[in-house]
Amino acid sequence: MAVAAESVTTATLYEHRHGFARRWYRTPTFVAGLAILGALVLLAICAPLVTKYDPTHQDLGAALSGPGDGHLLGTDDLGRDVWSRLVYGARTDLRVAFLAVLFPFVIGTTVGLVAGYFGGKTDTVVNWLVSVVVAFPFYVLIIALVFALGPGTRNIYIVITIVGWVSYTRIVRAEVLSAKRREYVLAARAGGLSTPRILVRHLLPNVITQAIVFSMSDVVLDLLAIVTLGYFGLGVQPPTPDWGRMMADGQTFLTTRWELATIPGVAVVITALGLALLADGLADLLRPE
């Protein structure tokens, strides 16, 4: 029976991988999202090659100058090159957003897997913790916790992990509750396989798909949270470039240099669009044919 269960799991994984490789380039939303996000990530990685100014260098004599004189998008109120700060800001915000998703994903998936499989008191305690966290609005809770812990990248990771794990737990738990009653899991149990092997080898590969899809949407939420915290001065701290801080600094000059606040906002919208399209495409690709 255990051998049969192993065969079913292997066949399911092969089907998903083969279907993904065969269909990804024929899924418009996935291709569009991959193109947008890929371009942004490439731009962020190659920041030193596509900019010629230090994003933190101040030239007060050239403050608030328009595009030209070597400054593609002009300079801000401290004479810093806007293009350099925009590109390096992409590097900062994307790195923080993707890393901030990683910790809740791992913790939430693990907790949901265990709670859904064992049930009983374990599931009751997990559901109680989830209910406590989801009782508060996402952004309000994040801002309140960062305000309590203090600004900075490290505290952003801590706060998003505290708040974000519950979504993955609920998704994985619901999948496990259904999957643990299927034949391949019952066969693995009857075959005498250990609980950790059943969880990791048989259940996890078959229940993690929805969590992976949600993680792409979660990056959007985290990115918006990071930008919002930066706007309020609670996020990435100066002099490190950050889109939220750029919008906050630029809003003072909306009547004379409106692009100082608008361009970082457009960058956030484009990034969110790319991630949303990628998430939709992944949902279509990972759905069984």
C-alpha atoms as a PDB file:
ATOM      1  CA  MET A   1       0.000   0.000   0.000  1.00  0.00           C
ATOM      2  CA  ALA A   2       2.805   2.396   0.841  1.00  0.00           C
ATOM      3  CA  VAL A   3       4.376   1.752  -2.573  1.00  0.00           C
ATOM      4  CA  ALA A   4       1.051   2.553  -4.246  1.00  0.00           C
ATOM      5  CA  ALA A   5       0.799   5.803  -2.284  1.00  0.00           C
ATOM      6  CA  GLU A   6       4.339   6.758  -3.315  1.00  0.00           C
ATOM      7  CA  SER A   7       3.436   6.083  -6.954  1.00  0.00           C
ATOM      8  CA  VAL A   8       0.329   8.285  -6.770  1.00  0.00           C
ATOM      9  CA  THR A   9       2.271  11.171  -5.212  1.00  0.00           C
ATOM     10  CA  THR A  10       5.065  10.895  -7.779  1.00  0.00           C
ATOM     11  CA  ALA A  11       2.578  10.797 -10.652  1.00  0.00           C
ATOM     12  CA  THR A  12       0.763  13.885  -9.323  1.00  0.00           C
ATOM     13  CA  LEU A  13       3.988  15.851  -9.030  1.00  0.00           C
ATOM     14  CA  TYR A  14       5.049  14.806 -12.532  1.00  0.00           C
ATOM     15  CA  GLU A  15       1.691  15.883 -13.936  1.00  0.00           C
ATOM     16  CA  HIS A  16       1.951  19.335 -12.362  1.00  0.00           C
ATOM     17  CA  ARG A  17       5.526  19.895 -13.539  1.00  0.00           C
ATOM     18  CA  HIS A  18       4.890  18.588 -17.048  1.00  0.00           C
ATOM     19  CA  GLY A  19       1.712  20.630 -17.401  1.00  0.00           C
ATOM     20  CA  PHE A  20       3.459  23.781 -16.185  1.00  0.00           C
ATOM     21  CA  ALA A  21       6.347  23.390 -18.625  1.00  0.00           C
ATOM     22  CA  ARG A  22       3.945  22.755 -21.501  1.00  0.00           C
ATOM     23  CA  ARG A  23       1.475  25.582 -20.843  1.00  0.00           C
ATOM     24  CA  TRP A  24       3.281  28.534 -19.217  1.00  0.00           C
ATOM     25  CA  TYR A  25       4.103  30.350 -22.472  1.00  0.00           C
ATOM     26  CA  ARG A  26       0.480  29.954 -23.632  1.00  0.00           C
ATOM     27  CA  THR A  27      -0.924  31.665 -20.539  1.00  0.00           C
ATOM     28  CA  PRO A  28      -1.120  35.421 -21.333  1.00  0.00           C
ATOM     29  CA  THR A  29      -1.513  36.617 -17.739  1.00  0.00           C
ATOM     30  CA  PHE A  30       1.506  34.618 -16.575  1.00  0.00           C
ATOM     31  CA  VAL A  31       3.679  35.813 -19.468  1.00  0.00           C
ATOM     32  CA  ALA A  32       2.629  39.452 -18.962  1.00  0.00           C
ATOM     33  CA  GLY A  33       3.226  39.301 -15.205  1.00  0.00           C
ATOM     34  CA  LEU A  34       6.569  37.550 -15.680  1.00  0.00           C
ATOM     35  CA  ALA A  35       7.652  40.177 -18.224  1.00  0.00           C
ATOM     36  CA  ILE A  36       6.712  43.127 -15.986  1.00  0.00           C
ATOM     37  CA  LEU A  37       8.161  41.680 -12.797  1.00  0.00           C
ATOM     38  CA  GLY A  38      11.218  40.306 -14.602  1.00  0.00           C
ATOM     39  CA  ALA A  39      11.989  43.741 -16.060  1.00  0.00           C
ATOM     40  CA  LEU A  40      11.665  45.391 -12.645  1.00  0.00           C
ATOM     41  CA  VAL A  41      13.824  42.778 -10.917  1.00  0.00           C
ATOM     42  CA  LEU A  42      16.455  43.014 -13.675  1.00  0.00           C
ATOM     43  CA  LEU A  43      16.455  46.807 -13.368  1.00  0.00           C
ATOM     44  CA  ALA A  44      16.880  46.551  -9.601  1.00  0.00           C
ATOM     45  CA  ILE A  45      19.709  44.016  -9.868  1.00  0.00           C
ATOM     46  CA  CYS A  46      21.502  46.104 -12.511  1.00  0.00           C
ATOM     47  CA  ALA A  47      20.991  49.395 -10.609  1.00  0.00           C
ATOM     48  CA  PRO A  48      24.716  50.301 -10.588  1.00  0.00           C
ATOM     49  CA  LEU A  49      24.836  49.777 -14.365  1.00  0.00           C
ATOM     50  CA  VAL A  50      21.751  51.830 -15.309  1.00  0.00           C
ATOM     51  CA  THR A  51      22.440  54.776 -12.994  1.00  0.00           C
ATOM     52  CA  LYS A  52      25.487  56.995 -12.677  1.00  0.00           C
ATOM     53  CA  TYR A  53      24.702  58.839  -9.443  1.00  0.00           C
ATOM     54  CA  ASP A  54      24.807  57.683  -5.847  1.00  0.00           C
ATOM     55  CA  PRO A  55      21.149  57.689  -4.702  1.00  0.00           C
ATOM     56  CA  THR A  56      22.188  59.203  -1.352  1.00  0.00           C
ATOM     57  CA  HIS A  57      24.499  61.906  -2.742  1.00  0.00           C
ATOM     58  CA  GLN A  58      23.228  65.419  -2.077  1.00  0.00           C
ATOM     59  CA  ASP A  59      23.895  68.431  -4.302  1.00  0.00           C
ATOM     60  CA  LEU A  60      21.968  71.324  -2.803  1.00  0.00           C
ATOM     61  CA  GLY A  61      23.075  73.598  -5.620  1.00  0.00           C
ATOM     62  CA  ALA A  62      21.092  71.440  -8.091  1.00  0.00           C
ATOM     63  CA  ALA A  63      18.035  70.910  -5.861  1.00  0.00           C
ATOM     64  CA  LEU A  64      14.630  70.556  -7.590  1.00  0.00           C
ATOM     65  CA  SER A  65      16.135  70.761 -11.075  1.00  0.00           C
ATOM     66  CA  GLY A  66      14.116  69.303 -13.949  1.00  0.00           C
ATOM     67  CA  PRO A  67      15.152  66.501 -16.285  1.00  0.00           C
ATOM     68  CA  GLY A  68      18.407  67.229 -18.065  1.00  0.00           C
ATOM     69  CA  ASP A  69      22.046  67.925 -17.236  1.00  0.00           C
ATOM     70  CA  GLY A  70      22.620  64.205 -16.807  1.00  0.00           C
ATOM     71  CA  HIS A  71      19.623  63.729 -14.522  1.00  0.00           C
ATOM     72  CA  LEU A  72      17.050  61.646 -16.384  1.00  0.00           C
ATOM     73  CA  LEU A  73      14.170  62.545 -14.038  1.00  0.00           C
ATOM     74  CA  GLY A  74      15.703  65.586 -12.388  1.00  0.00           C
ATOM     75  CA  THR A  75      16.618  65.954  -8.728  1.00  0.00           C
ATOM     76  CA  ASP A  76      14.686  66.172  -5.465  1.00  0.00           C
ATOM     77  CA  ASP A  77      14.718  68.870  -2.771  1.00  0.00           C
ATOM     78  CA  LEU A  78      18.157  67.733  -1.556  1.00  0.00           C
ATOM     79  CA  GLY A  79      19.663  67.542  -5.039  1.00  0.00           C
ATOM     80  CA  ARG A  80      19.598  63.721  -5.165  1.00  0.00           C
ATOM     81  CA  ASP A  81      19.088  62.072  -8.552  1.00  0.00           C
ATOM     82  CA  VAL A  82      15.462  60.906  -8.802  1.00  0.00           C
ATOM     83  CA  TRP A  83      16.172  58.133 -11.330  1.00  0.00           C
ATOM     84  CA  SER A  84      18.873  56.633  -9.107  1.00  0.00           C
ATOM     85  CA  ARG A  85      16.616  56.764  -6.058  1.00  0.00           C
ATOM     86  CA  LEU A  86      13.757  55.200  -8.033  1.00  0.00           C
ATOM     87  CA  VAL A  87      15.868  52.254  -9.234  1.00  0.00           C
ATOM     88  CA  TYR A  88      17.607  51.672  -5.913  1.00  0.00           C
ATOM     89  CA  GLY A  89      14.235  52.060  -4.212  1.00  0.00           C
ATOM     90  CA  ALA A  90      12.961  49.181  -6.352  1.00  0.00           C
ATOM     91  CA  ARG A  91      15.885  47.082  -5.145  1.00  0.00           C
ATOM     92  CA  THR A  92      15.106  47.898  -1.516  1.00  0.00           C
ATOM     93  CA  ASP A  93      11.324  47.479  -1.587  1.00  0.00           C
ATOM     94  CA  LEU A  94      11.272  44.322  -3.722  1.00  0.00           C
ATOM     95  CA  ARG A  95      13.906  42.644  -1.571  1.00  0.00           C
ATOM     96  CA  VAL A  96      12.074  43.466   1.645  1.00  0.00           C
ATOM     97  CA  ALA A  97       8.673  42.462   0.191  1.00  0.00           C
ATOM     98  CA  PHE A  98       9.847  39.046  -1.056  1.00  0.00           C
ATOM     99  CA  LEU A  99      11.794  38.251   2.112  1.00  0.00           C
ATOM    100  CA  ALA A 100       8.848  39.379   4.226  1.00  0.00           C
ATOM    101  CA  VAL A 101       6.656  36.778   2.478  1.00  0.00           C
ATOM    102  CA  LEU A 102       9.144  33.961   3.001  1.00  0.00           C
ATOM    103  CA  PHE A 103       8.886  33.758   6.803  1.00  0.00           C
ATOM    104  CA  PRO A 104       5.050  33.757   7.036  1.00  0.00           C
ATOM    105  CA  PHE A 105       4.905  31.257   4.159  1.00  0.00           C
ATOM    106  CA  VAL A 106       7.161  28.732   5.908  1.00  0.00           C
ATOM    107  CA  ILE A 107       5.627  29.183   9.369  1.00  0.00           C
ATOM    108  CA  GLY A 108       2.008  29.302   8.181  1.00  0.00           C
ATOM    109  CA  THR A 109       2.393  26.284   5.897  1.00  0.00           C
ATOM    110  CA  THR A 110       3.993  24.228   8.669  1.00  0.00           C
ATOM    111  CA  VAL A 111       1.347  25.175  11.244  1.00  0.00           C
ATOM    112  CA  GLY A 112      -1.518  24.569   8.817  1.00  0.00           C
ATOM    113  CA  LEU A 113      -0.098  21.190   7.820  1.00  0.00           C
ATOM    114  CA  VAL A 114       0.200  20.027  11.417  1.00  0.00           C
ATOM    115  CA  ALA A 115      -3.158  21.462  12.565  1.00  0.00           C
ATOM    116  CA  GLY A 116      -5.074  20.018   9.632  1.00  0.00           C
ATOM    117  CA  TYR A 117      -3.511  16.570   9.924  1.00  0.00           C
ATOM    118  CA  PHE A 118      -3.691  16.044  13.691  1.00  0.00           C
ATOM    119  CA  GLY A 119      -6.881  18.006  14.436  1.00  0.00           C
ATOM    120  CA  GLY A 120      -8.147  17.854  18.023  1.00  0.00           C
ATOM    121  CA  LYS A 121      -6.640  20.229  20.568  1.00  0.00           C
ATOM    122  CA  THR A 122      -3.843  21.235  18.225  1.00  0.00           C
ATOM    123  CA  ASP A 123      -6.365  22.406  15.631  1.00  0.00           C
ATOM    124  CA  THR A 124      -8.434  24.182  18.295  1.00  0.00           C
ATOM    125  CA  VAL A 125      -5.456  26.161  19.595  1.00  0.00           C
ATOM    126  CA  VAL A 126      -4.346  27.098  16.075  1.00  0.00           C
ATOM    127  CA  ASN A 127      -7.863  28.227  15.134  1.00  0.00           C
ATOM    128  CA  TRP A 128      -8.012  30.363  18.273  1.00  0.00           C
ATOM    129  CA  LEU A 129      -4.713  32.064  17.423  1.00  0.00           C
ATOM    130  CA  VAL A 130      -5.858  32.632  13.841  1.00  0.00           C
ATOM    131  CA  SER A 131      -9.125  34.167  15.046  1.00  0.00           C
ATOM    132  CA  VAL A 132      -7.248  36.567  17.328  1.00  0.00           C
ATOM    133  CA  VAL A 133      -4.994  37.822  14.529  1.00  0.00           C
ATOM    134  CA  VAL A 134      -7.691  38.155  11.833  1.00  0.00           C
ATOM    135  CA  ALA A 135      -9.911  40.104  14.237  1.00  0.00           C
ATOM    136  CA  PHE A 136      -7.768  43.177  13.491  1.00  0.00           C
ATOM    137  CA  PRO A 137      -7.495  44.888  10.067  1.00  0.00           C
ATOM    138  CA  PHE A 138      -4.256  43.932   8.297  1.00  0.00           C
ATOM    139  CA  TYR A 139      -2.743  47.381   7.751  1.00  0.00           C
ATOM    140  CA  VAL A 140      -3.937  48.809  11.065  1.00  0.00           C
ATOM    141  CA  LEU A 141      -2.314  45.931  12.952  1.00  0.00           C
ATOM    142  CA  ILE A 142       0.947  46.238  10.996  1.00  0.00           C
ATOM    143  CA  ILE A 143       1.207  49.993  11.554  1.00  0.00           C
ATOM    144  CA  ALA A 144       0.382  49.618  15.249  1.00  0.00           C
ATOM    145  CA  LEU A 145       2.978  46.873  15.784  1.00  0.00           C
ATOM    146  CA  VAL A 146       5.716  48.727  13.868  1.00  0.00           C
ATOM    147  CA  PHE A 147       4.912  51.853  15.862  1.00  0.00           C
ATOM    148  CA  ALA A 148       5.306  49.815  19.061  1.00  0.00           C
ATOM    149  CA  LEU A 149       8.497  48.014  18.016  1.00  0.00           C
ATOM    150  CA  GLY A 150      10.074  50.946  16.194  1.00  0.00           C
ATOM    151  CA  PRO A 151      10.950  51.631  12.545  1.00  0.00           C
ATOM    152  CA  GLY A 152      13.447  49.620  10.535  1.00  0.00           C
ATOM    153  CA  THR A 153      13.684  46.666   8.172  1.00  0.00           C
ATOM    154  CA  ARG A 154      14.158  44.063  10.917  1.00  0.00           C
ATOM    155  CA  ASN A 155      10.962  45.077  12.659  1.00  0.00           C
ATOM    156  CA  ILE A 156       9.081  45.024   9.344  1.00  0.00           C
ATOM    157  CA  TYR A 157      10.024  41.353   8.935  1.00  0.00           C
ATOM    158  CA  ILE A 158       8.931  40.588  12.495  1.00  0.00           C
ATOM    159  CA  VAL A 159       5.596  42.379  12.193  1.00  0.00           C
ATOM    160  CA  ILE A 160       4.648  40.938   8.802  1.00  0.00           C
ATOM    161  CA  THR A 161       5.516  37.447  10.065  1.00  0.00           C
ATOM    162  CA  ILE A 162       3.324  37.941  13.152  1.00  0.00           C
ATOM    163  CA  VAL A 163       0.392  39.069  11.008  1.00  0.00           C
ATOM    164  CA  GLY A 164       0.905  37.178   7.750  1.00  0.00           C
ATOM    165  CA  TRP A 165       1.271  33.532   8.797  1.00  0.00           C
ATOM    166  CA  VAL A 166      -2.456  33.118   9.467  1.00  0.00           C
ATOM    167  CA  SER A 167      -3.459  33.294   5.785  1.00  0.00           C
ATOM    168  CA  TYR A 168      -1.151  30.430   4.838  1.00  0.00           C
ATOM    169  CA  THR A 169      -2.276  28.421   7.847  1.00  0.00           C
ATOM    170  CA  ARG A 170      -5.944  28.723   6.864  1.00  0.00           C
ATOM    171  CA  ILE A 171      -5.248  27.813   3.225  1.00  0.00           C
ATOM    172  CA  VAL A 172      -3.039  24.783   3.964  1.00  0.00           C
ATOM    173  CA  ARG A 173      -5.226  23.548   6.823  1.00  0.00           C
ATOM    174  CA  ALA A 174      -8.322  23.529   4.596  1.00  0.00           C
ATOM    175  CA  GLU A 175      -6.442  21.600   1.895  1.00  0.00           C
ATOM    176  CA  VAL A 176      -5.086  19.067   4.410  1.00  0.00           C
ATOM    177  CA  LEU A 177      -8.522  18.415   5.917  1.00  0.00           C
ATOM    178  CA  SER A 178      -9.645  17.242   2.482  1.00  0.00           C
ATOM    179  CA  ALA A 179      -6.441  15.545   1.342  1.00  0.00           C
ATOM    180  CA  LYS A 180      -5.840  13.435   4.466  1.00  0.00           C
ATOM    181  CA  ARG A 181      -8.978  11.385   3.694  1.00  0.00           C
ATOM    182  CA  ARG A 182      -7.831  10.447   0.199  1.00  0.00           C
ATOM    183  CA  GLU A 183      -6.695   6.979  -0.791  1.00  0.00           C
ATOM    184  CA  TYR A 184      -2.982   7.676  -1.144  1.00  0.00           C
ATOM    185  CA  VAL A 185      -2.761   9.055   2.431  1.00  0.00           C
ATOM    186  CA  LEU A 186      -4.807   6.184   3.843  1.00  0.00           C
ATOM    187  CA  ALA A 187      -2.597   3.728   1.953  1.00  0.00           C
ATOM    188  CA  ALA A 188       0.532   5.385   3.335  1.00  0.00           C
ATOM    189  CA  ARG A 189      -0.816   5.084   6.871  1.00  0.00           C
ATOM    190  CA  ALA A 190      -1.775   1.459   6.361  1.00  0.00           C
ATOM    191  CA  GLY A 191       1.668   0.769   4.926  1.00  0.00           C
ATOM    192  CA  GLY A 192       3.286   1.894   8.162  1.00  0.00           C
ATOM    193  CA  LEU A 193       4.975   5.056   6.896  1.00  0.00           C
ATOM    194  CA  SER A 194       6.001   7.519   9.596  1.00  0.00           C
ATOM    195  CA  THR A 195       3.929  10.635  10.235  1.00  0.00           C
ATOM    196  CA  PRO A 196       6.714  13.075   9.190  1.00  0.00           C
ATOM    197  CA  ARG A 197       7.111  11.185   5.899  1.00  0.00           C
ATOM    198  CA  ILE A 198       3.385  11.285   5.215  1.00  0.00           C
ATOM    199  CA  LEU A 199       3.261  15.004   5.969  1.00  0.00           C
ATOM    200  CA  VAL A 200       6.320  16.011   3.942  1.00  0.00           C
ATOM    201  CA  ARG A 201       6.356  13.458   1.131  1.00  0.00           C
ATOM    202  CA  HIS A 202       2.651  12.873   0.491  1.00  0.00           C
ATOM    203  CA  LEU A 203       0.537  15.716   1.848  1.00  0.00           C
ATOM    204  CA  LEU A 204       2.742  18.793   1.437  1.00  0.00           C
ATOM    205  CA  PRO A 205       3.334  18.525  -2.341  1.00  0.00           C
ATOM    206  CA  ASN A 206      -0.400  18.111  -2.914  1.00  0.00           C
ATOM    207  CA  VAL A 207      -1.660  20.935  -0.669  1.00  0.00           C
ATOM    208  CA  ILE A 208       0.951  23.661  -1.133  1.00  0.00           C
ATOM    209  CA  THR A 209      -0.215  24.850  -4.562  1.00  0.00           C
ATOM    210  CA  GLN A 210      -2.798  27.328  -3.271  1.00  0.00           C
ATOM    211  CA  ALA A 211      -0.310  28.695  -0.744  1.00  0.00           C
ATOM    212  CA  ILE A 212       2.212  29.340  -3.526  1.00  0.00           C
ATOM    213  CA  VAL A 213      -0.412  31.144  -5.609  1.00  0.00           C
ATOM    214  CA  PHE A 214      -1.494  33.229  -2.626  1.00  0.00           C
ATOM    215  CA  SER A 215       2.122  34.145  -1.844  1.00  0.00           C
ATOM    216  CA  MET A 216       2.329  36.168  -5.072  1.00  0.00           C
ATOM    217  CA  SER A 217      -0.738  38.167  -4.052  1.00  0.00           C
ATOM    218  CA  ASP A 218       0.714  38.447  -0.560  1.00  0.00           C
ATOM    219  CA  VAL A 219       3.836  40.106  -1.973  1.00  0.00           C
ATOM    220  CA  VAL A 220       1.537  42.865  -3.279  1.00  0.00           C
ATOM    221  CA  LEU A 221       0.029  43.364   0.179  1.00  0.00           C
ATOM    222  CA  ASP A 222       3.463  43.401   1.785  1.00  0.00           C
ATOM    223  CA  LEU A 223       4.831  45.814  -0.817  1.00  0.00           C
ATOM    224  CA  LEU A 224       1.943  48.208  -0.167  1.00  0.00           C
ATOM    225  CA  ALA A 225       2.486  47.844   3.580  1.00  0.00           C
ATOM    226  CA  ILE A 226       6.210  48.605   3.201  1.00  0.00           C
ATOM    227  CA  VAL A 227       5.510  51.659   1.039  1.00  0.00           C
ATOM    228  CA  THR A 228       2.843  52.857   3.485  1.00  0.00           C
ATOM    229  CA  LEU A 229       5.210  52.456   6.432  1.00  0.00           C
ATOM    230  CA  GLY A 230       7.906  54.302   4.480  1.00  0.00           C
ATOM    231  CA  TYR A 231       5.459  57.118   3.759  1.00  0.00           C
ATOM    232  CA  PHE A 232       4.772  57.512   7.486  1.00  0.00           C
ATOM    233  CA  GLY A 233       8.465  57.296   8.340  1.00  0.00           C
ATOM    234  CA  LEU A 234       8.094  53.885  10.026  1.00  0.00           C
ATOM    235  CA  GLY A 235       9.599  51.717   7.292  1.00  0.00           C
ATOM    236  CA  VAL A 236      13.002  51.613   5.615  1.00  0.00           C
ATOM    237  CA  GLN A 237      15.020  54.404   7.193  1.00  0.00           C
ATOM    238  CA  PRO A 238      16.942  57.172   5.408  1.00  0.00           C
ATOM    239  CA  PRO A 239      19.260  57.495   3.646  1.00  0.00           C
ATOM    240  CA  THR A 240      18.292  54.145   2.052  1.00  0.00           C
ATOM    241  CA  PRO A 241      16.039  54.886  -0.972  1.00  0.00           C
ATOM    242  CA  ASP A 242      12.427  53.811  -0.561  1.00  0.00           C
ATOM    243  CA  TRP A 243       9.375  54.526  -2.726  1.00  0.00           C
ATOM    244  CA  GLY A 244       7.188  55.423   0.246  1.00  0.00           C
ATOM    245  CA  ARG A 245       9.719  57.941   1.568  1.00  0.00           C
ATOM    246  CA  MET A 246      10.081  59.407  -1.940  1.00  0.00           C
ATOM    247  CA  MET A 247       6.321  60.004  -2.140  1.00  0.00           C
ATOM    248  CA  ALA A 248       6.262  61.588   1.316  1.00  0.00           C
ATOM    249  CA  ASP A 249       9.166  63.909   0.461  1.00  0.00           C
ATOM    250  CA  GLY A 250       7.739  64.803  -2.943  1.00  0.00           C
ATOM    251  CA  GLN A 251       4.208  65.692  -1.864  1.00  0.00           C
ATOM    252  CA  THR A 252       5.420  69.064  -0.567  1.00  0.00           C
ATOM    253  CA  PHE A 253       6.254  70.063  -4.136  1.00  0.00           C
ATOM    254  CA  LEU A 254       3.140  68.788  -5.922  1.00  0.00           C
ATOM    255  CA  THR A 255       2.383  72.195  -7.455  1.00  0.00           C
ATOM    256  CA  THR A 256       5.878  72.701  -8.873  1.00  0.00           C
ATOM    257  CA  ARG A 257       7.414  69.227  -9.276  1.00  0.00           C
ATOM    258  CA  TRP A 258       4.447  66.851  -9.230  1.00  0.00           C
ATOM    259  CA  GLU A 259       6.511  63.988 -10.667  1.00  0.00           C
ATOM    260  CA  LEU A 260       8.580  63.670  -7.476  1.00  0.00           C
ATOM    261  CA  ALA A 261       5.621  62.036  -5.730  1.00  0.00           C
ATOM    262  CA  THR A 262       3.843  60.659  -8.789  1.00  0.00           C
ATOM    263  CA  ILE A 263       6.650  58.604 -10.352  1.00  0.00           C
ATOM    264  CA  PRO A 264       7.264  56.387  -7.268  1.00  0.00           C
ATOM    265  CA  GLY A 265       3.496  55.908  -6.996  1.00  0.00           C
ATOM    266  CA  VAL A 266       3.338  54.776 -10.628  1.00  0.00           C
ATOM    267  CA  ALA A 267       6.236  52.385  -9.943  1.00  0.00           C
ATOM    268  CA  VAL A 268       4.247  50.829  -7.072  1.00  0.00           C
ATOM    269  CA  VAL A 269       1.164  50.425  -9.300  1.00  0.00           C
ATOM    270  CA  ILE A 270       3.168  48.794 -12.124  1.00  0.00           C
ATOM    271  CA  THR A 271       4.865  46.415  -9.683  1.00  0.00           C
ATOM    272  CA  ALA A 272       1.541  45.466  -8.100  1.00  0.00           C
ATOM    273  CA  LEU A 273       0.046  44.887 -11.567  1.00  0.00           C
ATOM    274  CA  GLY A 274       2.905  42.570 -12.536  1.00  0.00           C
ATOM    275  CA  LEU A 275       2.575  40.564  -9.329  1.00  0.00           C
ATOM    276  CA  ALA A 276      -1.213  40.324  -9.685  1.00  0.00           C
ATOM    277  CA  LEU A 277      -0.941  39.071 -13.272  1.00  0.00           C
ATOM    278  CA  LEU A 278       1.715  36.572 -12.230  1.00  0.00           C
ATOM    279  CA  ALA A 279      -0.509  35.280  -9.428  1.00  0.00           C
ATOM    280  CA  ASP A 280      -3.469  34.856 -11.807  1.00  0.00           C
ATOM    281  CA  GLY A 281      -1.265  33.068 -14.316  1.00  0.00           C
ATOM    282  CA  LEU A 282       0.123  30.735 -11.654  1.00  0.00           C
ATOM    283  CA  ALA A 283      -3.403  29.912 -10.509  1.00  0.00           C
ATOM    284  CA  ASP A 284      -4.304  28.895 -14.078  1.00  0.00           C
ATOM    285  CA  LEU A 285      -1.098  26.909 -14.591  1.00  0.00           C
ATOM    286  CA  LEU A 286      -1.158  25.016 -11.313  1.00  0.00           C
ATOM    287  CA  ARG A 287      -4.825  24.129 -11.656  1.00  0.00           C
ATOM    288  CA  PRO A 288      -5.115  20.491 -12.841  1.00  0.00           C
ATOM    289  CA  GLU A 289      -6.015  20.128 -16.512  1.00  0.00           C
END
